Structure formats: C-alpha cells, structure tokens
N, C-alpha and C. Protein backbone atom coordinates (compact mmCIF):
# COMPACT_ATOMS: atom_id res chain seq x y z
N UNK A 1 0.90 -1.28 -0.05
CA UNK A 1 0.14 0.04 -0.05
C UNK A 1 0.58 1.20 0.11
N UNK A 2 0.41 2.33 -0.80
CA UNK A 2 1.06 3.46 -0.64
C UNK A 2 0.87 4.47 -0.07
N UNK A 3 1.93 5.24 0.38
CA UNK A 3 1.74 6.20 1.64
C UNK A 3 0.34 7.33 0.93
N UNK A 4 -0.24 7.79 1.84
CA UNK A 4 -1.66 8.51 1.79
C UNK A 4 -0.79 9.96 2.13
N UNK A 5 -1.03 11.11 1.26
CA UNK A 5 -0.56 12.35 1.43
C UNK A 5 -1.68 12.69 2.37
N UNK A 6 -1.43 13.41 3.33
CA UNK A 6 -2.31 13.96 4.38
C UNK A 6 -1.95 15.66 3.99
N UNK A 7 -3.41 16.28 4.77
CA UNK A 7 -3.38 17.90 5.02
C UNK A 7 -2.26 18.39 5.50
N UNK A 8 -1.81 19.41 5.31
CA UNK A 8 -1.08 20.18 6.22
C UNK A 8 -1.86 20.56 7.43
N UNK A 9 -0.93 20.85 8.47
CA UNK A 9 -1.42 21.22 9.91
C UNK A 9 -2.24 22.44 9.95
N UNK A 10 -2.06 23.83 9.23
CA UNK A 10 -2.90 24.64 9.33
C UNK A 10 -4.44 24.41 8.66
N UNK A 11 -3.92 23.41 7.48
CA UNK A 11 -5.27 23.12 6.69
C UNK A 11 -5.97 22.20 7.72
N UNK A 12 -5.75 21.59 8.32
CA UNK A 12 -6.41 20.67 9.72
C UNK A 12 -7.33 21.55 10.40
N UNK A 13 -6.18 22.43 11.02
CA UNK A 13 -6.67 23.46 11.79
C UNK A 13 -7.93 24.28 11.32
N UNK A 14 -7.79 24.87 10.19
CA UNK A 14 -8.95 25.72 9.72
C UNK A 14 -10.17 24.56 9.41
N UNK A 15 -9.92 23.68 8.99
CA UNK A 15 -11.10 22.60 8.73
C UNK A 15 -11.88 22.34 10.21
N UNK A 16 -11.04 21.92 11.43
CA UNK A 16 -11.58 21.33 12.51
C UNK A 16 -12.27 22.69 13.31
N UNK A 17 -11.58 23.70 13.16
CA UNK A 17 -11.99 24.74 14.00
C UNK A 17 -13.47 25.15 13.22
N UNK A 18 -13.33 25.24 12.08
CA UNK A 18 -14.61 25.89 11.01
C UNK A 18 -15.91 24.74 11.27
N UNK A 19 -15.69 23.24 11.34
CA UNK A 19 -16.60 22.15 11.76
C UNK A 19 -17.25 22.43 13.24
N UNK A 20 -16.27 22.73 13.75
CA UNK A 20 -16.81 23.07 15.35
C UNK A 20 -17.42 24.13 15.48
N UNK A 21 -17.50 25.42 14.62
CA UNK A 21 -17.99 26.63 14.73
C UNK A 21 -19.35 26.43 14.13
N UNK A 22 -19.19 25.57 12.96
CA UNK A 22 -20.62 25.46 12.30
C UNK A 22 -21.39 24.63 13.30
N UNK A 23 -20.80 23.54 13.54
CA UNK A 23 -21.63 22.52 14.39
C UNK A 23 -22.48 23.01 15.66
N UNK A 24 -21.79 24.24 16.13
CA UNK A 24 -22.08 24.44 17.04
C UNK A 24 -23.33 25.84 17.01
N UNK A 25 -23.15 26.65 15.83
CA UNK A 25 -24.16 27.38 15.36
C UNK A 25 -25.63 26.91 14.96
N UNK A 26 -25.33 25.85 14.28
CA UNK A 26 -26.66 24.74 13.70
C UNK A 26 -27.63 24.65 14.86
N UNK A 27 -27.40 24.06 16.02
CA UNK A 27 -28.22 23.54 17.17
C UNK A 27 -28.45 25.05 17.63
N UNK A 28 -27.80 26.05 17.67
CA UNK A 28 -28.20 27.36 18.14
C UNK A 28 -29.14 27.92 17.58
N UNK A 29 -29.08 27.93 16.26
CA UNK A 29 -30.19 28.68 15.22
C UNK A 29 -31.50 27.83 15.71
N UNK A 30 -31.76 26.34 15.55
CA UNK A 30 -32.54 25.58 15.19
C UNK A 30 -33.34 26.06 16.80
N UNK A 31 -32.51 26.33 18.04
CA UNK A 31 -33.15 26.30 19.39
C UNK A 31 -33.89 27.89 19.12
N UNK A 32 -32.98 28.81 18.60
CA UNK A 32 -33.23 30.14 19.03
C UNK A 32 -34.58 30.45 18.33
N UNK A 33 -34.93 29.69 17.19
CA UNK A 33 -35.97 30.02 16.09
C UNK A 33 -37.34 29.35 16.85
N UNK A 34 -37.21 28.40 17.48
CA UNK A 34 -38.49 27.64 18.06
C UNK A 34 -39.34 28.64 18.28
N UNK A 35 -40.84 28.70 18.19
CA UNK A 35 -41.64 29.26 18.87
C UNK A 35 -41.51 28.88 20.35
N UNK A 36 -42.12 30.29 20.97
CA UNK A 36 -42.33 29.93 22.36
C UNK A 36 -40.91 29.70 23.25
N UNK A 37 -40.03 29.93 22.61
CA UNK A 37 -38.66 29.88 23.71
C UNK A 37 -38.57 30.90 24.36
N UNK A 38 -38.19 31.08 25.48
CA UNK A 38 -37.75 32.06 26.34
C UNK A 38 -36.98 33.10 26.15
N UNK A 39 -37.12 34.31 25.95
CA UNK A 39 -35.78 35.73 25.70
C UNK A 39 -34.64 35.23 26.48
N UNK A 40 -34.65 35.05 27.68
CA UNK A 40 -33.44 34.49 28.55
C UNK A 40 -32.42 33.59 27.87
N UNK A 41 -33.24 32.46 27.11
CA UNK A 41 -32.21 31.52 26.04
C UNK A 41 -32.09 32.00 24.77
N UNK A 42 -33.16 32.65 24.22
CA UNK A 42 -33.00 33.06 22.85
C UNK A 42 -31.97 33.97 22.71
N UNK A 43 -32.00 35.27 23.52
CA UNK A 43 -31.32 36.16 23.27
C UNK A 43 -29.74 36.12 23.22
N UNK A 44 -29.06 35.04 24.27
CA UNK A 44 -27.78 34.64 23.84
C UNK A 44 -27.50 33.95 22.91
N UNK A 45 -28.49 32.99 22.47
CA UNK A 45 -28.39 32.31 21.27
C UNK A 45 -27.96 33.10 20.07
N UNK A 46 -28.91 34.16 20.13
CA UNK A 46 -28.80 35.18 18.87
C UNK A 46 -27.63 35.73 18.71
N UNK A 47 -26.88 35.78 20.08
CA UNK A 47 -25.71 36.69 20.52
C UNK A 47 -24.83 35.94 19.89
N UNK A 48 -24.91 34.88 20.15
CA UNK A 48 -23.57 33.88 19.89
C UNK A 48 -23.60 33.56 18.34
N UNK A 49 -24.70 32.98 17.99
CA UNK A 49 -24.67 32.78 16.57
C UNK A 49 -24.43 33.70 15.69
N UNK A 50 -24.95 35.18 15.60
CA UNK A 50 -24.64 36.15 14.92
C UNK A 50 -23.14 36.49 15.03
N UNK A 51 -22.61 36.50 15.99
CA UNK A 51 -21.16 36.92 16.30
C UNK A 51 -19.99 35.99 15.76
N UNK A 52 -20.70 34.29 15.81
CA UNK A 52 -19.90 33.45 15.64
C UNK A 52 -19.92 33.27 13.90
N UNK A 53 -21.05 33.83 13.58
CA UNK A 53 -21.03 33.89 11.91
C UNK A 53 -19.94 34.41 11.53
N UNK A 54 -19.94 35.72 11.86
CA UNK A 54 -18.62 36.58 11.31
C UNK A 54 -17.22 35.88 11.42
N UNK A 55 -17.04 35.29 12.77
CA UNK A 55 -15.75 34.47 12.66
C UNK A 55 -15.85 33.35 11.89
N UNK A 56 -16.90 32.98 11.42
CA UNK A 56 -16.78 31.78 10.68
C UNK A 56 -16.80 32.40 9.13
N UNK A 57 -17.35 33.64 8.76
CA UNK A 57 -16.89 33.98 7.63
C UNK A 57 -15.33 34.29 7.03
N UNK A 58 -14.76 34.93 8.64
CA UNK A 58 -13.10 35.48 8.10
C UNK A 58 -12.60 34.16 8.19
N UNK A 59 -12.80 33.29 8.79
CA UNK A 59 -12.21 31.58 8.77
C UNK A 59 -12.26 31.07 7.42
N UNK A 60 -13.32 31.14 7.08
CA UNK A 60 -13.71 30.34 5.61
C UNK A 60 -12.76 31.10 4.46
N UNK A 61 -12.84 32.84 4.59
CA UNK A 61 -11.96 33.28 3.64
C UNK A 61 -10.66 32.91 3.79
N UNK A 62 -10.19 33.16 4.80
CA UNK A 62 -8.57 32.80 5.26
C UNK A 62 -8.18 31.44 4.50
N UNK A 63 -9.16 30.51 5.07
CA UNK A 63 -9.18 29.01 4.40
C UNK A 63 -9.18 29.06 2.92
N UNK A 64 -9.62 29.65 2.71
CA UNK A 64 -9.88 29.59 0.81
C UNK A 64 -8.55 29.99 0.50
N UNK A 65 -8.13 31.13 0.85
CA UNK A 65 -7.08 31.88 0.58
C UNK A 65 -5.74 31.35 0.89
N UNK A 66 -5.81 30.67 1.81
CA UNK A 66 -4.68 29.29 2.14
C UNK A 66 -4.50 28.39 1.19
N UNK A 67 -5.87 27.72 0.75
CA UNK A 67 -6.02 26.50 -0.20
C UNK A 67 -5.55 26.86 -1.47
N UNK A 68 -5.80 28.41 -1.92
CA UNK A 68 -5.28 28.43 -3.31
C UNK A 68 -3.56 28.47 -3.20
N UNK A 69 -3.35 28.56 -2.22
CA UNK A 69 -1.59 28.69 -2.09
C UNK A 69 -1.19 27.34 -1.75
N UNK A 70 -1.82 26.69 -1.14
CA UNK A 70 -1.39 25.27 -0.85
C UNK A 70 -2.51 24.39 -1.04
N UNK A 71 -2.66 23.79 -2.13
CA UNK A 71 -3.88 22.95 -2.64
C UNK A 71 -3.90 21.49 -2.08
N UNK A 72 -4.99 21.05 -1.65
CA UNK A 72 -4.78 19.83 -1.14
C UNK A 72 -4.34 18.62 -1.49
N UNK A 73 -3.84 17.68 -0.78
CA UNK A 73 -3.25 16.60 -1.24
C UNK A 73 -4.28 15.81 -2.17
N UNK A 74 -3.66 15.10 -2.96
CA UNK A 74 -4.55 14.25 -3.96
C UNK A 74 -5.29 13.26 -3.25
N UNK A 75 -6.25 12.66 -3.45
CA UNK A 75 -6.94 11.46 -3.19
C UNK A 75 -6.30 10.29 -3.61
N UNK A 76 -6.03 9.23 -2.83
CA UNK A 76 -5.51 7.76 -3.11
C UNK A 76 -6.09 7.44 -4.32
N UNK A 77 -5.67 6.96 -5.05
CA UNK A 77 -5.66 6.07 -6.43
C UNK A 77 -6.89 5.22 -6.20
N UNK A 78 -7.03 4.71 -5.36
CA UNK A 78 -8.45 3.92 -5.00
C UNK A 78 -9.56 4.40 -5.20
N UNK A 79 -9.76 5.86 -5.22
CA UNK A 79 -10.98 6.46 -4.94
C UNK A 79 -11.32 6.71 -6.38
N UNK A 80 -12.75 6.21 -7.00
CA UNK A 80 -13.11 6.46 -8.08
C UNK A 80 -13.09 7.75 -8.39
N UNK A 81 -13.23 8.18 -10.10
CA UNK A 81 -13.14 9.22 -10.48
C UNK A 81 -14.44 9.88 -10.01
N UNK A 82 -15.68 9.24 -10.32
CA UNK A 82 -16.91 9.71 -9.82
C UNK A 82 -17.06 10.36 -8.37
N UNK A 83 -16.14 9.74 -7.48
CA UNK A 83 -16.13 10.09 -6.11
C UNK A 83 -15.25 11.41 -5.78
N UNK A 84 -14.19 11.44 -6.64
CA UNK A 84 -13.44 12.75 -6.67
C UNK A 84 -14.09 13.76 -7.07
N UNK A 85 -14.88 13.58 -8.07
CA UNK A 85 -15.77 14.78 -8.64
C UNK A 85 -16.98 15.20 -7.51
N UNK A 86 -17.56 14.33 -6.77
CA UNK A 86 -18.32 14.48 -6.07
C UNK A 86 -17.99 15.13 -4.87
N UNK A 87 -16.71 14.42 -4.55
CA UNK A 87 -16.12 15.21 -3.04
C UNK A 87 -15.53 16.36 -3.78
N UNK A 88 -15.01 16.93 -4.83
CA UNK A 88 -14.73 18.29 -4.97
C UNK A 88 -15.70 19.36 -5.05
N UNK A 89 -16.93 18.98 -5.87
CA UNK A 89 -18.01 19.60 -5.76
C UNK A 89 -18.57 19.77 -4.37
N UNK A 90 -18.86 18.93 -3.50
CA UNK A 90 -19.17 18.95 -2.34
C UNK A 90 -18.16 20.08 -1.61
N UNK A 91 -17.04 19.97 -1.47
CA UNK A 91 -16.26 21.00 -0.91
C UNK A 91 -16.53 22.31 -1.17
N UNK A 92 -16.52 22.51 -2.71
CA UNK A 92 -16.91 23.95 -3.02
C UNK A 92 -18.19 24.31 -2.76
N UNK A 93 -19.36 23.42 -2.79
CA UNK A 93 -20.65 23.70 -2.54
C UNK A 93 -20.52 24.24 -1.00
N UNK A 94 -19.80 23.55 -0.12
CA UNK A 94 -19.92 23.89 1.29
C UNK A 94 -19.25 25.17 1.63
N UNK A 95 -17.59 25.79 1.06
CA UNK A 95 -17.58 27.00 1.02
C UNK A 95 -18.46 27.92 0.42
N UNK A 96 -19.09 27.67 -0.94
CA UNK A 96 -19.98 28.64 -1.27
C UNK A 96 -21.11 29.04 -0.16
N UNK A 97 -21.62 27.78 0.34
CA UNK A 97 -22.95 28.21 0.90
C UNK A 97 -22.48 28.59 2.69
N UNK A 98 -21.29 28.29 2.96
CA UNK A 98 -20.74 28.86 4.15
C UNK A 98 -20.33 30.33 4.05
N UNK A 99 -19.94 30.71 2.97
CA UNK A 99 -19.71 32.12 2.72
C UNK A 99 -21.27 32.88 2.52
N UNK A 100 -22.20 32.36 1.86
CA UNK A 100 -23.18 32.96 1.40
C UNK A 100 -24.17 32.90 2.96
N UNK A 101 -24.41 31.96 3.49
CA UNK A 101 -24.70 31.93 5.00
C UNK A 101 -24.28 33.17 5.86
N UNK A 102 -22.89 33.32 5.96
CA UNK A 102 -22.25 34.23 6.65
C UNK A 102 -22.69 35.92 6.16
N UNK A 103 -22.37 35.89 4.76
CA UNK A 103 -22.84 37.20 4.48
C UNK A 103 -24.50 37.48 4.21
N UNK A 104 -25.16 36.49 4.14
CA UNK A 104 -26.58 36.81 4.39
C UNK A 104 -26.88 37.15 5.75
N UNK A 105 -26.34 36.32 6.64
CA UNK A 105 -26.52 36.82 8.01
C UNK A 105 -26.19 37.98 8.29
N UNK A 106 -24.88 38.36 7.99
CA UNK A 106 -24.40 39.94 8.41
C UNK A 106 -25.16 40.81 7.60
N UNK A 107 -25.71 40.79 6.58
CA UNK A 107 -26.32 41.62 6.13
C UNK A 107 -27.81 41.66 6.95
N UNK A 108 -28.29 40.63 7.02
CA UNK A 108 -29.47 40.76 7.80
C UNK A 108 -29.31 41.43 9.15
N UNK A 109 -28.44 41.18 9.82
CA UNK A 109 -28.14 41.72 11.00
C UNK A 109 -28.04 43.56 11.25
N UNK A 110 -27.01 43.87 10.16
CA UNK A 110 -26.60 45.17 9.96
C UNK A 110 -27.89 46.16 9.17
N UNK A 111 -28.32 45.34 8.12
CA UNK A 111 -29.47 46.11 7.65
C UNK A 111 -30.87 46.23 8.62
N UNK A 112 -30.79 45.37 9.03
CA UNK A 112 -32.02 45.36 10.25
C UNK A 112 -31.69 46.29 11.73
N UNK A 113 -30.06 46.67 11.77
CA UNK A 113 -29.96 47.76 12.79
C UNK A 113 -29.64 47.12 14.22
N UNK A 114 -29.48 45.82 13.83
CA UNK A 114 -29.13 44.85 15.40
C UNK A 114 -27.66 44.97 15.54
N UNK A 115 -27.32 44.67 16.75
CA UNK A 115 -25.96 44.86 17.15
C UNK A 115 -25.07 43.57 16.73
N UNK A 116 -23.89 43.95 16.54
CA UNK A 116 -22.78 42.71 16.37
C UNK A 116 -22.19 42.87 17.86
N UNK A 117 -22.44 42.41 19.13
CA UNK A 117 -21.90 42.70 20.56
C UNK A 117 -20.23 42.68 20.77
N UNK A 118 -19.66 41.44 19.79
CA UNK A 118 -18.16 41.28 19.91
C UNK A 118 -17.73 42.30 19.02
N UNK A 119 -18.11 42.63 17.72
CA UNK A 119 -17.57 43.52 16.81
C UNK A 119 -17.78 45.02 17.07
N UNK A 120 -18.70 45.53 17.27
CA UNK A 120 -18.99 46.60 17.39
C UNK A 120 -18.16 47.61 18.00
N UNK A 121 -17.54 46.98 19.25
CA UNK A 121 -16.61 47.94 20.22
C UNK A 121 -15.29 48.00 19.55
N UNK A 122 -15.32 47.31 18.27
CA UNK A 122 -13.68 47.40 17.52
C UNK A 122 -14.07 48.74 16.73
N UNK A 123 -15.39 49.66 16.40
CA UNK A 123 -15.45 50.70 15.61
C UNK A 123 -15.39 50.39 14.40
N UNK A 124 -15.16 49.44 13.78
CA UNK A 124 -15.44 48.87 12.46
C UNK A 124 -16.58 49.34 11.63
N UNK A 125 -16.54 50.21 10.72
CA UNK A 125 -17.79 50.69 9.92
C UNK A 125 -18.46 49.41 9.20
N UNK A 126 -19.88 49.94 9.29
CA UNK A 126 -20.92 48.80 8.62
C UNK A 126 -21.07 49.13 7.31
N UNK A 127 -20.52 48.39 6.30
CA UNK A 127 -20.76 48.75 4.67
C UNK A 127 -22.12 48.67 4.31
N UNK A 128 -23.05 48.20 5.09
CA UNK A 128 -24.65 47.68 5.05
C UNK A 128 -25.48 48.85 5.54
N UNK A 129 -26.04 49.82 4.55
CA UNK A 129 -27.01 50.78 5.42
C UNK A 129 -28.36 49.96 6.16
N UNK A 130 -28.64 50.81 7.08
CA UNK A 130 -30.11 50.33 7.47
C UNK A 130 -31.46 50.03 6.37
N UNK A 131 -31.90 48.99 6.21
CA UNK A 131 -32.81 48.93 5.37
C UNK A 131 -33.76 47.64 5.70
N UNK A 132 -34.86 47.56 6.00
CA UNK A 132 -35.86 46.61 6.55
C UNK A 132 -36.08 45.77 5.17
N UNK A 133 -36.15 46.19 3.92
CA UNK A 133 -36.50 45.45 2.76
C UNK A 133 -35.38 44.38 2.57
N UNK A 134 -33.91 44.97 2.92
CA UNK A 134 -32.80 44.47 2.58
C UNK A 134 -32.44 43.30 3.52
N UNK A 135 -32.96 43.73 4.95
CA UNK A 135 -32.66 42.55 5.93
C UNK A 135 -33.80 41.45 5.83
N UNK A 136 -34.77 41.84 5.31
CA UNK A 136 -35.90 41.09 5.19
C UNK A 136 -35.61 39.97 4.09
N UNK A 137 -34.80 40.50 2.93
CA UNK A 137 -34.42 39.76 1.56
C UNK A 137 -33.12 38.71 2.17
N UNK A 138 -32.58 39.32 2.96
CA UNK A 138 -31.35 38.60 3.51
C UNK A 138 -31.53 37.42 4.43
N UNK A 139 -32.57 37.59 5.34
CA UNK A 139 -33.16 37.04 6.00
C UNK A 139 -33.93 35.54 5.07
N UNK A 140 -34.58 35.88 4.47
CA UNK A 140 -35.07 34.87 3.54
C UNK A 140 -33.99 34.05 2.89
N UNK A 141 -33.13 34.78 2.23
CA UNK A 141 -31.61 33.93 1.73
C UNK A 141 -31.12 33.03 2.99
N UNK A 142 -31.07 33.68 4.00
CA UNK A 142 -30.10 32.99 5.21
C UNK A 142 -31.11 31.52 5.61
N UNK A 143 -32.36 31.87 5.30
CA UNK A 143 -33.56 30.72 5.77
C UNK A 143 -33.23 29.62 4.67
N UNK A 144 -33.34 29.88 3.63
CA UNK A 144 -33.44 29.28 2.48
C UNK A 144 -32.30 28.43 2.37
N UNK A 145 -31.11 28.75 2.62
CA UNK A 145 -30.01 28.22 2.44
C UNK A 145 -29.57 27.09 3.71
N UNK A 146 -30.27 27.30 4.76
CA UNK A 146 -29.80 26.37 6.02
C UNK A 146 -29.97 25.05 5.76
N UNK A 147 -31.06 24.78 5.22
CA UNK A 147 -31.27 23.27 5.03
C UNK A 147 -30.68 22.48 3.61
N UNK A 148 -30.01 23.12 2.63
CA UNK A 148 -29.20 22.71 1.52
C UNK A 148 -27.51 22.62 2.55
N UNK A 149 -27.30 23.78 3.31
CA UNK A 149 -25.96 23.47 3.76
C UNK A 149 -25.99 22.38 5.13
N UNK A 150 -27.05 22.07 5.83
CA UNK A 150 -27.13 20.93 6.53
C UNK A 150 -27.15 19.54 5.91
N UNK A 151 -27.81 19.38 4.77
CA UNK A 151 -27.56 18.40 4.02
C UNK A 151 -26.22 18.04 3.49
N UNK A 152 -25.78 19.17 2.99
CA UNK A 152 -24.12 19.20 2.49
C UNK A 152 -23.09 18.42 3.41
N UNK A 153 -23.60 19.13 4.88
CA UNK A 153 -22.68 18.60 5.93
C UNK A 153 -22.87 17.37 6.36
N UNK A 154 -24.31 17.07 6.32
CA UNK A 154 -24.42 15.50 6.56
C UNK A 154 -23.72 14.46 5.30
N UNK A 155 -23.77 14.96 4.09
CA UNK A 155 -23.02 14.12 3.31
C UNK A 155 -21.56 14.07 3.41
N UNK A 156 -20.93 15.42 3.87
CA UNK A 156 -19.87 15.17 3.98
C UNK A 156 -18.99 14.36 5.19
N UNK A 157 -19.93 14.43 6.38
CA UNK A 157 -19.81 13.79 7.56
C UNK A 157 -19.98 12.11 7.28
N UNK A 158 -20.88 11.88 6.59
CA UNK A 158 -21.12 10.57 6.05
C UNK A 158 -20.32 9.52 4.78
N UNK A 159 -19.74 10.62 4.18
CA UNK A 159 -18.66 10.35 3.29
C UNK A 159 -17.25 9.80 4.29
N UNK A 160 -16.91 10.82 4.98
CA UNK A 160 -16.05 10.70 6.18
C UNK A 160 -15.77 9.47 6.59
N UNK A 161 -17.24 9.59 7.28
CA UNK A 161 -17.34 8.15 8.27
C UNK A 161 -17.26 6.86 7.33
N UNK A 162 -17.98 6.82 6.02
CA UNK A 162 -17.62 5.74 5.13
C UNK A 162 -16.05 5.36 4.95
N UNK A 163 -15.48 6.40 4.57
CA UNK A 163 -14.12 6.17 4.50
C UNK A 163 -13.39 5.61 5.78
N UNK A 164 -13.55 6.15 6.80
CA UNK A 164 -13.10 5.88 7.84
C UNK A 164 -13.49 4.31 8.30
N UNK A 165 -14.68 4.07 8.59
CA UNK A 165 -14.78 2.96 9.11
C UNK A 165 -15.59 1.56 8.27
N UNK A 166 -15.73 2.07 6.79
CA UNK A 166 -16.12 0.68 5.99
C UNK A 166 -14.91 0.63 4.74
N UNK A 167 -14.36 1.65 4.08
CA UNK A 167 -13.45 1.34 3.44
C UNK A 167 -12.03 1.20 4.14
N UNK A 168 -11.73 2.38 5.11
CA UNK A 168 -10.57 2.11 5.68
C UNK A 168 -9.35 2.47 4.42
N UNK A 169 -9.58 3.34 3.82
CA UNK A 169 -8.63 3.74 2.85
C UNK A 169 -7.55 4.81 3.19
N UNK A 170 -7.56 5.24 4.35
CA UNK A 170 -6.53 6.48 4.64
C UNK A 170 -7.36 7.95 4.15
N UNK A 171 -8.55 7.82 3.92
CA UNK A 171 -9.23 9.19 3.32
C UNK A 171 -9.31 10.08 4.18
N UNK A 172 -10.11 9.53 5.44
CA UNK A 172 -10.31 9.95 6.73
C UNK A 172 -9.29 10.37 7.14
N UNK A 173 -8.19 9.88 7.50
CA UNK A 173 -6.84 9.87 8.15
C UNK A 173 -6.16 11.39 7.77
N UNK A 174 -6.40 11.58 6.33
CA UNK A 174 -5.72 12.69 5.90
C UNK A 174 -5.77 13.93 6.90
N UNK A 175 -7.16 13.93 7.29
CA UNK A 175 -7.54 15.52 7.90
C UNK A 175 -7.43 15.01 9.65
N UNK A 176 -6.94 14.11 9.91
CA UNK A 176 -6.48 14.08 11.42
C UNK A 176 -4.94 14.33 11.92
N UNK A 177 -4.82 15.20 12.66
CA UNK A 177 -3.68 15.54 13.38
C UNK A 177 -2.87 14.41 13.81
N UNK A 178 -1.61 14.36 13.74
CA UNK A 178 -0.73 13.07 13.95
C UNK A 178 -0.76 13.12 15.68
N UNK A 179 -0.91 11.93 16.09
CA UNK A 179 -0.56 11.33 17.34
C UNK A 179 0.57 11.73 17.82
C-alpha cells in the first residue's frame, strides 16, 4: 500500500475549527428560532449565532486563500473518479454556502439595525445601510440556505465516516492530526 498524502497542519486546523463553529451554530439557530422559546435563552443564542457567523466568514475566507496557495493533497488512487468529482463539488458547495450564509446573516443583522456585540466595540464601519427590505431579503436567503447547508454537511460527514469505518482507505485519516 502506498503512503497517503495528508493535509498540512494549518489546513487541518482551519477544517476542524470551521467544523466546530458551524456545528455549534446549527443547533443554536434551530433552538433560538423555536416558537415560544424564552427570551432569556433566545437572546444569548442570537448573540452567539450572529457573532460566530462573522468569525466563520473570516475563517472560511482565510481558509480559501490558504487553499489557493496550498492545494489539498490528492486523493488516493483507490478513490473512483466519480467520487473525486462528488468530493470536489461538495467541498466547493460547502465553501460557497458557508460564505453565503455568513454574508446573508451579516446583511440581515446590519441592515436590520441589530448589534454585533463582539465586533461593534472595535469601531469597524458597517458597509451595509439600514434597510428593512434588504434585511428581510437577507433573512429569506439565510433561511433558504440552511437546509442545503445541513444536507451537505451530513453528506460530508457520511462520506468521511464511510472512508473511516467501511473502506478504511486512509482518506479520513488525511485530515486527522498526528498523535
């Protein structure tokens, strides 16, 4: 068996930090949007969700820039061509949806006149004007993209587990940190 090329440590850090933050924001969003939820729980979840969304945007943007300079290692020859195409498409769709979710969420918050508690004290300008119509459009986009994003994440996790537990072909291990 030939040696499997692994991702570089910084690429792994970007991946796992992004995964952690995204997987924390999803249940926060699902809980905070439930009808009848108490404000004492809803408000901190909104604060967490919208501020972590900004962090996810920066993280994904930096990750994409890093990826352009440091392309991912090739998949092993044992991975069929169709799976390579699906993996590539899935990754690019995940990047696109993560960026679209972060941008639409940011526009929703800023156009709606809501605070970004962690970032507002930094005094950064808000490039989006206050506009209820824009805020509602961004809210609709954000809501429409959530299920495709969750579906792609489930597909990605399922494929990773398939490679780790069934195929045992080293694909999953490429993203693990060495012990």
